[in-house]
Amino acid sequence: MIEGMAYSLDFRRKVLFVRKKESSNDEAYS
């Protein structure tokens, strides 16, 4: 249970990180 929570938190963090990178790339190219 706790391992699953830690995994989902890590996954969410990666998704947010990727989204942040993509949005900053969009700003750089626009």
N, C-alpha and C. Protein backbone atom coordinates (compact mmCIF):
# COMPACT_ATOMS: atom_id res chain seq x y z
N MET A 1 0.84 -1.21 0.00
CA MET A 1 0.00 0.00 0.00
C MET A 1 0.87 1.25 0.00
N ILE A 2 1.78 1.34 0.96
CA ILE A 2 2.64 2.53 1.03
C ILE A 2 3.54 2.60 -0.21
N GLU A 3 4.02 1.44 -0.64
CA GLU A 3 4.88 1.44 -1.84
C GLU A 3 4.10 1.97 -3.04
N GLY A 4 2.84 1.58 -3.14
CA GLY A 4 2.01 2.06 -4.25
C GLY A 4 1.83 3.57 -4.18
N MET A 5 1.64 4.09 -2.97
CA MET A 5 1.48 5.54 -2.80
C MET A 5 2.76 6.26 -3.21
N ALA A 6 3.90 5.73 -2.78
CA ALA A 6 5.18 6.36 -3.12
C ALA A 6 5.38 6.32 -4.63
N TYR A 7 5.00 5.19 -5.26
CA TYR A 7 5.16 5.08 -6.71
C TYR A 7 4.29 6.11 -7.43
N SER A 8 3.03 6.23 -6.99
CA SER A 8 2.13 7.17 -7.66
C SER A 8 2.61 8.61 -7.45
N LEU A 9 3.16 8.89 -6.27
CA LEU A 9 3.69 10.24 -6.02
C LEU A 9 4.86 10.51 -6.95
N ASP A 10 5.76 9.54 -7.09
CA ASP A 10 6.92 9.70 -7.96
C ASP A 10 6.47 9.86 -9.40
N PHE A 11 5.46 9.07 -9.81
CA PHE A 11 4.95 9.15 -11.17
C PHE A 11 4.34 10.53 -11.42
N ARG A 12 3.56 11.01 -10.42
CA ARG A 12 2.93 12.33 -10.57
C ARG A 12 3.99 13.40 -10.69
N ARG A 13 5.07 13.26 -9.89
CA ARG A 13 6.14 14.25 -9.93
C ARG A 13 6.78 14.27 -11.32
N LYS A 14 6.98 13.08 -11.91
CA LYS A 14 7.59 13.02 -13.24
C LYS A 14 6.67 13.66 -14.28
N VAL A 15 5.37 13.39 -14.15
CA VAL A 15 4.42 13.96 -15.11
C VAL A 15 4.43 15.48 -15.01
N LEU A 16 4.41 16.00 -13.78
CA LEU A 16 4.44 17.45 -13.59
C LEU A 16 5.73 18.02 -14.15
N PHE A 17 6.85 17.32 -13.92
CA PHE A 17 8.15 17.80 -14.40
C PHE A 17 8.15 17.85 -15.93
N VAL A 18 7.63 16.81 -16.56
CA VAL A 18 7.60 16.78 -18.02
C VAL A 18 6.70 17.88 -18.55
N ARG A 19 5.54 18.05 -17.91
CA ARG A 19 4.62 19.10 -18.35
C ARG A 19 5.26 20.46 -18.23
N LYS A 20 6.01 20.68 -17.12
CA LYS A 20 6.66 21.96 -16.91
C LYS A 20 7.69 22.21 -18.01
N LYS A 21 8.44 21.16 -18.36
CA LYS A 21 9.45 21.29 -19.41
C LYS A 21 8.78 21.63 -20.74
N GLU A 22 7.68 20.93 -21.03
CA GLU A 22 6.99 21.17 -22.30
C GLU A 22 6.46 22.59 -22.37
N SER A 23 5.88 23.08 -21.28
CA SER A 23 5.31 24.42 -21.30
C SER A 23 6.43 25.45 -21.44
N SER A 24 7.57 25.22 -20.79
CA SER A 24 8.66 26.18 -20.90
C SER A 24 9.24 26.14 -22.31
N ASN A 25 9.23 24.96 -22.95
CA ASN A 25 9.70 24.86 -24.33
C ASN A 25 8.76 25.63 -25.25
N ASP A 26 7.45 25.50 -25.02
CA ASP A 26 6.48 26.22 -25.83
C ASP A 26 6.72 27.73 -25.71
N GLU A 27 6.99 28.19 -24.50
CA GLU A 27 7.24 29.62 -24.31
C GLU A 27 8.51 30.05 -25.04
N ALA A 28 9.51 29.18 -25.02
CA ALA A 28 10.79 29.54 -25.65
C ALA A 28 10.62 29.62 -27.17
N TYR A 29 9.78 28.74 -27.73
CA TYR A 29 9.64 28.73 -29.18
C TYR A 29 8.67 29.79 -29.67
N SER A 30 7.74 30.21 -28.83
CA SER A 30 6.72 31.16 -29.30
C SER A 30 7.29 32.56 -29.42
